[in-house]
N, C-alpha and C. Protein backbone atom coordinates (compact mmCIF):
# COMPACT_ATOMS: atom_id res chain seq x y z
N UNK A 1 -16.72 20.36 -25.93
CA UNK A 1 -16.63 18.97 -25.50
C UNK A 1 -17.71 18.12 -26.11
N UNK A 2 -18.23 18.50 -27.21
CA UNK A 2 -19.27 17.73 -27.88
C UNK A 2 -18.65 16.57 -28.64
N UNK A 3 -19.50 15.66 -29.13
CA UNK A 3 -19.04 14.55 -29.93
C UNK A 3 -18.47 13.40 -29.11
N UNK A 4 -18.98 13.16 -27.91
CA UNK A 4 -18.55 12.03 -27.11
C UNK A 4 -17.28 12.29 -26.32
N UNK A 5 -16.77 13.50 -26.34
CA UNK A 5 -15.54 13.83 -25.63
C UNK A 5 -15.82 14.41 -24.24
N UNK A 6 -17.06 14.44 -23.82
CA UNK A 6 -17.41 14.98 -22.52
C UNK A 6 -16.85 14.09 -21.42
N UNK A 7 -16.41 14.71 -20.32
CA UNK A 7 -15.91 13.89 -19.21
C UNK A 7 -17.01 12.96 -18.68
N UNK A 8 -16.57 11.82 -18.20
CA UNK A 8 -17.48 10.83 -17.65
C UNK A 8 -17.33 10.86 -16.14
N UNK A 9 -18.45 11.03 -15.43
CA UNK A 9 -18.41 11.10 -13.98
C UNK A 9 -18.61 9.70 -13.40
N UNK A 10 -17.65 9.30 -12.57
CA UNK A 10 -17.65 7.94 -12.02
C UNK A 10 -17.41 8.00 -10.52
N UNK A 11 -18.12 7.12 -9.79
CA UNK A 11 -17.79 6.91 -8.38
C UNK A 11 -17.54 5.42 -8.21
N UNK A 12 -16.72 5.10 -7.22
CA UNK A 12 -16.33 3.72 -6.99
C UNK A 12 -16.89 3.25 -5.67
N UNK A 13 -17.68 2.18 -5.71
CA UNK A 13 -18.32 1.63 -4.51
C UNK A 13 -17.48 0.46 -4.01
N UNK A 14 -17.00 0.58 -2.78
CA UNK A 14 -16.19 -0.46 -2.17
C UNK A 14 -17.08 -1.57 -1.63
N UNK A 15 -16.48 -2.67 -1.25
CA UNK A 15 -17.20 -3.86 -0.81
C UNK A 15 -18.07 -3.63 0.41
N UNK A 16 -17.74 -2.61 1.23
CA UNK A 16 -18.53 -2.36 2.43
C UNK A 16 -19.58 -1.27 2.24
N UNK A 17 -19.73 -0.79 1.01
CA UNK A 17 -20.76 0.21 0.71
C UNK A 17 -20.26 1.65 0.72
N UNK A 18 -19.02 1.89 1.13
CA UNK A 18 -18.49 3.26 1.08
C UNK A 18 -18.07 3.60 -0.34
N UNK A 19 -18.03 4.87 -0.63
CA UNK A 19 -17.72 5.34 -1.99
C UNK A 19 -16.43 6.14 -2.03
N UNK A 20 -15.76 6.06 -3.17
CA UNK A 20 -14.65 6.95 -3.51
C UNK A 20 -15.13 7.75 -4.70
N UNK A 21 -15.14 9.06 -4.57
CA UNK A 21 -15.64 9.91 -5.66
C UNK A 21 -17.00 10.44 -5.33
N UNK A 22 -17.70 10.97 -6.28
CA UNK A 22 -17.47 10.89 -7.73
C UNK A 22 -16.41 11.88 -8.20
N UNK A 23 -15.80 11.51 -9.33
CA UNK A 23 -14.83 12.36 -10.01
C UNK A 23 -15.07 12.24 -11.51
N UNK A 24 -14.65 13.27 -12.24
CA UNK A 24 -14.81 13.26 -13.70
C UNK A 24 -13.52 12.81 -14.36
N UNK A 25 -13.67 11.99 -15.40
CA UNK A 25 -12.55 11.44 -16.13
C UNK A 25 -12.75 11.64 -17.63
N UNK A 26 -11.65 11.81 -18.33
CA UNK A 26 -11.68 11.86 -19.78
C UNK A 26 -12.01 10.46 -20.29
N UNK A 27 -12.80 10.34 -21.36
CA UNK A 27 -13.15 9.01 -21.88
C UNK A 27 -11.94 8.17 -22.28
N UNK A 28 -10.80 8.82 -22.55
CA UNK A 28 -9.60 8.07 -22.96
C UNK A 28 -8.78 7.56 -21.78
N UNK A 29 -9.25 7.79 -20.55
CA UNK A 29 -8.54 7.32 -19.35
C UNK A 29 -8.57 5.79 -19.32
N UNK A 30 -7.42 5.19 -19.04
CA UNK A 30 -7.34 3.72 -19.00
C UNK A 30 -7.90 3.19 -17.68
N UNK A 31 -8.32 1.94 -17.70
CA UNK A 31 -8.82 1.28 -16.50
C UNK A 31 -7.69 1.19 -15.47
N UNK A 32 -6.46 0.99 -15.93
CA UNK A 32 -5.32 0.96 -15.01
C UNK A 32 -5.19 2.28 -14.27
N UNK A 33 -5.38 3.41 -14.97
CA UNK A 33 -5.32 4.73 -14.32
C UNK A 33 -6.42 4.89 -13.28
N UNK A 34 -7.61 4.35 -13.57
CA UNK A 34 -8.70 4.40 -12.60
C UNK A 34 -8.34 3.62 -11.35
N UNK A 35 -7.71 2.45 -11.53
CA UNK A 35 -7.31 1.63 -10.39
C UNK A 35 -6.24 2.34 -9.57
N UNK A 36 -5.31 3.04 -10.24
CA UNK A 36 -4.28 3.80 -9.52
C UNK A 36 -4.92 4.91 -8.70
N UNK A 37 -5.96 5.55 -9.25
CA UNK A 37 -6.70 6.58 -8.53
C UNK A 37 -7.33 5.99 -7.27
N UNK A 38 -7.92 4.81 -7.40
CA UNK A 38 -8.56 4.15 -6.26
C UNK A 38 -7.52 3.81 -5.19
N UNK A 39 -6.38 3.26 -5.60
CA UNK A 39 -5.34 2.91 -4.64
C UNK A 39 -4.85 4.13 -3.88
N UNK A 40 -4.71 5.26 -4.58
CA UNK A 40 -4.22 6.49 -3.94
C UNK A 40 -5.21 7.04 -2.93
N UNK A 41 -6.50 6.77 -3.12
CA UNK A 41 -7.53 7.32 -2.25
C UNK A 41 -8.22 6.27 -1.37
N UNK A 42 -7.60 5.09 -1.28
CA UNK A 42 -8.18 4.01 -0.49
C UNK A 42 -8.23 4.41 0.98
N UNK A 43 -9.39 4.26 1.63
CA UNK A 43 -9.48 4.62 3.06
C UNK A 43 -8.52 3.78 3.90
N UNK A 44 -7.76 4.42 4.76
CA UNK A 44 -6.73 3.74 5.55
C UNK A 44 -7.31 2.92 6.71
N UNK A 45 -8.57 3.15 7.05
CA UNK A 45 -9.16 2.43 8.19
C UNK A 45 -9.76 1.08 7.81
N UNK A 46 -9.60 0.66 6.57
CA UNK A 46 -10.16 -0.61 6.11
C UNK A 46 -9.24 -1.77 6.47
N UNK A 47 -9.83 -2.94 6.76
CA UNK A 47 -9.05 -4.13 7.05
C UNK A 47 -8.37 -4.66 5.79
N UNK A 48 -9.10 -4.66 4.68
CA UNK A 48 -8.58 -5.15 3.42
C UNK A 48 -8.05 -3.96 2.63
N UNK A 49 -6.74 -4.00 2.32
CA UNK A 49 -6.12 -2.92 1.57
C UNK A 49 -5.37 -3.51 0.38
N UNK A 50 -5.76 -3.15 -0.85
CA UNK A 50 -5.03 -3.65 -2.01
C UNK A 50 -3.66 -3.01 -2.09
N UNK A 51 -2.67 -3.77 -2.58
CA UNK A 51 -1.31 -3.26 -2.67
C UNK A 51 -0.96 -2.78 -4.08
N UNK A 52 -1.51 -3.44 -5.10
CA UNK A 52 -1.22 -3.08 -6.49
C UNK A 52 -2.52 -3.02 -7.29
N UNK A 53 -2.43 -2.50 -8.51
CA UNK A 53 -3.61 -2.43 -9.37
C UNK A 53 -4.11 -3.83 -9.73
N UNK A 54 -3.24 -4.83 -9.67
CA UNK A 54 -3.65 -6.20 -9.96
C UNK A 54 -4.48 -6.81 -8.85
N UNK A 55 -4.46 -6.19 -7.66
CA UNK A 55 -5.28 -6.67 -6.54
C UNK A 55 -6.72 -6.15 -6.62
N UNK A 56 -6.99 -5.25 -7.57
CA UNK A 56 -8.29 -4.59 -7.66
C UNK A 56 -8.99 -5.01 -8.96
N UNK A 57 -10.27 -5.34 -8.84
CA UNK A 57 -11.11 -5.57 -10.02
C UNK A 57 -12.19 -4.50 -10.02
N UNK A 58 -12.43 -3.90 -11.18
CA UNK A 58 -13.53 -2.94 -11.35
C UNK A 58 -14.64 -3.62 -12.12
N UNK A 59 -15.86 -3.46 -11.63
CA UNK A 59 -17.02 -4.07 -12.28
C UNK A 59 -18.01 -2.98 -12.62
N UNK A 60 -18.41 -2.95 -13.90
CA UNK A 60 -19.41 -2.00 -14.37
C UNK A 60 -20.50 -2.78 -15.08
N UNK A 61 -21.72 -2.68 -14.60
CA UNK A 61 -22.88 -3.36 -15.19
C UNK A 61 -22.62 -4.86 -15.34
N UNK A 62 -21.99 -5.46 -14.32
CA UNK A 62 -21.78 -6.90 -14.33
C UNK A 62 -20.58 -7.36 -15.13
N UNK A 63 -19.81 -6.43 -15.71
CA UNK A 63 -18.64 -6.81 -16.50
C UNK A 63 -17.37 -6.40 -15.76
N UNK A 64 -16.38 -7.30 -15.72
CA UNK A 64 -15.08 -6.97 -15.16
C UNK A 64 -14.31 -6.20 -16.22
N UNK A 65 -13.81 -5.02 -15.85
CA UNK A 65 -13.11 -4.17 -16.80
C UNK A 65 -11.65 -4.61 -16.94
N UNK A 66 -11.17 -4.56 -18.18
CA UNK A 66 -9.80 -4.97 -18.48
C UNK A 66 -8.86 -3.77 -18.37
N UNK A 67 -7.67 -3.99 -17.80
CA UNK A 67 -6.70 -2.93 -17.57
C UNK A 67 -6.32 -2.16 -18.83
N UNK A 68 -6.22 -2.84 -19.96
CA UNK A 68 -5.75 -2.19 -21.18
C UNK A 68 -6.83 -1.43 -21.94
N UNK A 69 -8.05 -1.46 -21.46
CA UNK A 69 -9.15 -0.75 -22.11
C UNK A 69 -9.28 0.66 -21.55
N UNK A 70 -9.93 1.53 -22.33
CA UNK A 70 -10.20 2.90 -21.86
C UNK A 70 -11.57 2.94 -21.21
N UNK A 71 -11.84 4.04 -20.54
CA UNK A 71 -13.14 4.23 -19.91
C UNK A 71 -14.25 4.22 -20.96
N UNK A 72 -14.01 4.85 -22.10
CA UNK A 72 -15.00 4.88 -23.18
C UNK A 72 -15.30 3.48 -23.70
N UNK A 73 -14.28 2.64 -23.81
CA UNK A 73 -14.48 1.27 -24.30
C UNK A 73 -15.15 0.39 -23.27
N UNK A 74 -15.02 0.74 -21.99
CA UNK A 74 -15.51 -0.11 -20.91
C UNK A 74 -16.90 0.22 -20.43
N UNK A 75 -17.38 1.42 -20.72
CA UNK A 75 -18.68 1.81 -20.17
C UNK A 75 -19.82 1.16 -20.93
N UNK A 76 -20.91 0.97 -20.23
CA UNK A 76 -22.10 0.36 -20.80
C UNK A 76 -23.18 1.43 -20.83
N UNK A 77 -23.53 1.96 -22.01
CA UNK A 77 -24.45 3.09 -22.08
C UNK A 77 -25.91 2.75 -21.76
N UNK A 78 -26.29 1.48 -21.78
CA UNK A 78 -27.68 1.12 -21.54
C UNK A 78 -28.08 1.48 -20.11
N UNK A 79 -29.13 2.24 -19.96
CA UNK A 79 -29.66 2.59 -18.66
C UNK A 79 -28.98 3.78 -18.01
N UNK A 80 -27.98 4.35 -18.66
CA UNK A 80 -27.31 5.51 -18.08
C UNK A 80 -28.13 6.76 -18.33
N UNK A 81 -28.14 7.63 -17.36
CA UNK A 81 -28.82 8.91 -17.49
C UNK A 81 -27.78 9.92 -17.99
N UNK A 82 -28.07 10.65 -19.07
CA UNK A 82 -27.10 11.63 -19.54
C UNK A 82 -26.72 12.60 -18.42
N UNK A 83 -25.42 12.77 -18.22
CA UNK A 83 -24.95 13.65 -17.16
C UNK A 83 -24.98 13.01 -15.79
N UNK A 84 -25.39 11.74 -15.70
CA UNK A 84 -25.46 11.04 -14.42
C UNK A 84 -24.12 10.45 -14.02
N UNK A 85 -24.05 10.01 -12.79
CA UNK A 85 -22.83 9.41 -12.26
C UNK A 85 -22.88 7.90 -12.46
N UNK A 86 -21.80 7.33 -13.00
CA UNK A 86 -21.69 5.89 -13.18
C UNK A 86 -21.07 5.32 -11.91
N UNK A 87 -21.68 4.28 -11.35
CA UNK A 87 -21.13 3.62 -10.17
C UNK A 87 -20.45 2.34 -10.61
N UNK A 88 -19.15 2.24 -10.29
CA UNK A 88 -18.40 1.02 -10.57
C UNK A 88 -18.09 0.36 -9.25
N UNK A 89 -18.23 -0.94 -9.21
CA UNK A 89 -17.96 -1.69 -7.98
C UNK A 89 -16.50 -2.13 -7.95
N UNK A 90 -15.92 -2.04 -6.75
CA UNK A 90 -14.51 -2.38 -6.55
C UNK A 90 -14.44 -3.67 -5.74
N UNK A 91 -13.74 -4.66 -6.28
CA UNK A 91 -13.53 -5.93 -5.59
C UNK A 91 -12.03 -6.10 -5.39
N UNK A 92 -11.64 -6.45 -4.19
CA UNK A 92 -10.22 -6.67 -3.89
C UNK A 92 -9.95 -8.17 -3.95
N UNK A 93 -8.98 -8.53 -4.77
CA UNK A 93 -8.60 -9.94 -4.87
C UNK A 93 -7.76 -10.32 -3.66
N UNK A 94 -7.95 -11.51 -3.13
CA UNK A 94 -7.11 -11.94 -2.01
C UNK A 94 -5.67 -12.11 -2.50
N UNK A 95 -4.69 -11.81 -1.65
CA UNK A 95 -3.29 -11.96 -2.06
C UNK A 95 -2.99 -13.40 -2.47
N UNK A 96 -2.26 -13.57 -3.56
CA UNK A 96 -1.94 -14.90 -4.08
C UNK A 96 -1.01 -15.67 -3.16
N UNK A 97 -0.11 -14.97 -2.47
CA UNK A 97 0.86 -15.65 -1.61
C UNK A 97 0.17 -16.36 -0.45
N UNK A 98 -0.95 -15.83 0.03
CA UNK A 98 -1.67 -16.48 1.13
C UNK A 98 -2.17 -17.86 0.72
N UNK A 99 -2.58 -18.00 -0.55
CA UNK A 99 -3.07 -19.28 -1.04
C UNK A 99 -1.95 -20.32 -0.99
N UNK A 100 -0.76 -19.95 -1.45
CA UNK A 100 0.37 -20.87 -1.46
C UNK A 100 0.72 -21.29 -0.04
N UNK A 101 0.77 -20.31 0.88
CA UNK A 101 1.09 -20.62 2.26
C UNK A 101 0.03 -21.52 2.88
N UNK A 102 -1.23 -21.27 2.55
CA UNK A 102 -2.31 -22.08 3.09
C UNK A 102 -2.19 -23.52 2.58
N UNK A 103 -1.88 -23.68 1.29
CA UNK A 103 -1.72 -25.02 0.73
C UNK A 103 -0.53 -25.73 1.37
N UNK A 104 0.57 -24.99 1.59
CA UNK A 104 1.74 -25.60 2.21
C UNK A 104 1.45 -26.00 3.65
N UNK A 105 0.73 -25.16 4.37
CA UNK A 105 0.44 -25.48 5.77
C UNK A 105 -0.56 -26.62 5.88
N UNK A 106 -1.41 -26.82 4.88
CA UNK A 106 -2.36 -27.91 4.91
C UNK A 106 -1.74 -29.24 4.48
N UNK A 107 -0.68 -29.19 3.70
CA UNK A 107 -0.07 -30.41 3.17
C UNK A 107 0.40 -31.36 4.26
N UNK A 108 1.19 -30.90 5.26
CA UNK A 108 1.65 -31.83 6.29
C UNK A 108 0.50 -32.44 7.08
N UNK A 109 -0.57 -31.69 7.28
CA UNK A 109 -1.71 -32.20 8.05
C UNK A 109 -2.37 -33.38 7.33
N UNK A 110 -2.36 -33.34 6.00
CA UNK A 110 -2.99 -34.40 5.23
C UNK A 110 -2.21 -35.70 5.32
N UNK A 111 -0.90 -35.60 5.59
CA UNK A 111 -0.07 -36.79 5.66
C UNK A 111 -0.16 -37.50 7.01
N UNK A 112 -0.70 -36.83 8.02
CA UNK A 112 -0.82 -37.43 9.36
C UNK A 112 -2.22 -38.04 9.54
N UNK A 113 -2.24 -39.10 10.27
CA UNK A 113 -3.52 -39.73 10.55
C UNK A 113 -3.61 -40.00 12.04
N UNK A 114 -4.72 -39.59 12.63
CA UNK A 114 -4.91 -39.80 14.05
C UNK A 114 -5.98 -40.85 14.31
N UNK A 115 -6.26 -41.67 13.32
CA UNK A 115 -7.33 -42.67 13.46
C UNK A 115 -6.81 -43.92 14.15
N UNK A 116 -7.68 -44.53 14.92
CA UNK A 116 -7.37 -45.81 15.55
C UNK A 116 -8.50 -46.77 15.22
N UNK A 117 -8.14 -47.90 14.65
CA UNK A 117 -9.14 -48.89 14.27
C UNK A 117 -9.14 -49.97 15.34
N UNK A 118 -10.30 -50.25 15.92
CA UNK A 118 -10.40 -51.26 16.98
C UNK A 118 -10.98 -52.54 16.49
């Protein structure tokens, strides 16, 4: 497994500080596959539960990882300890449909006025 082909050990830190992993991944593993792994192992007792890989953002060293990139392309080697575990932060995006419903429910309120001028 020499020549950069060694598995990369990663753990995923959720928004409340709990972790999923660590687990070892091949450097050619896609970010989408990592997100699928997270969805499959998401703790069921959480209030916020992502439904699809598009609801999840992975952040490594301050960078949001792109779905079409591999783990090798996405990792930031600066400051990593050889053989150490990489911690990636998991952010759940709010559902898009809630925004539309919120805007629709706010629209009628904006058209009403309860002011009285004396």
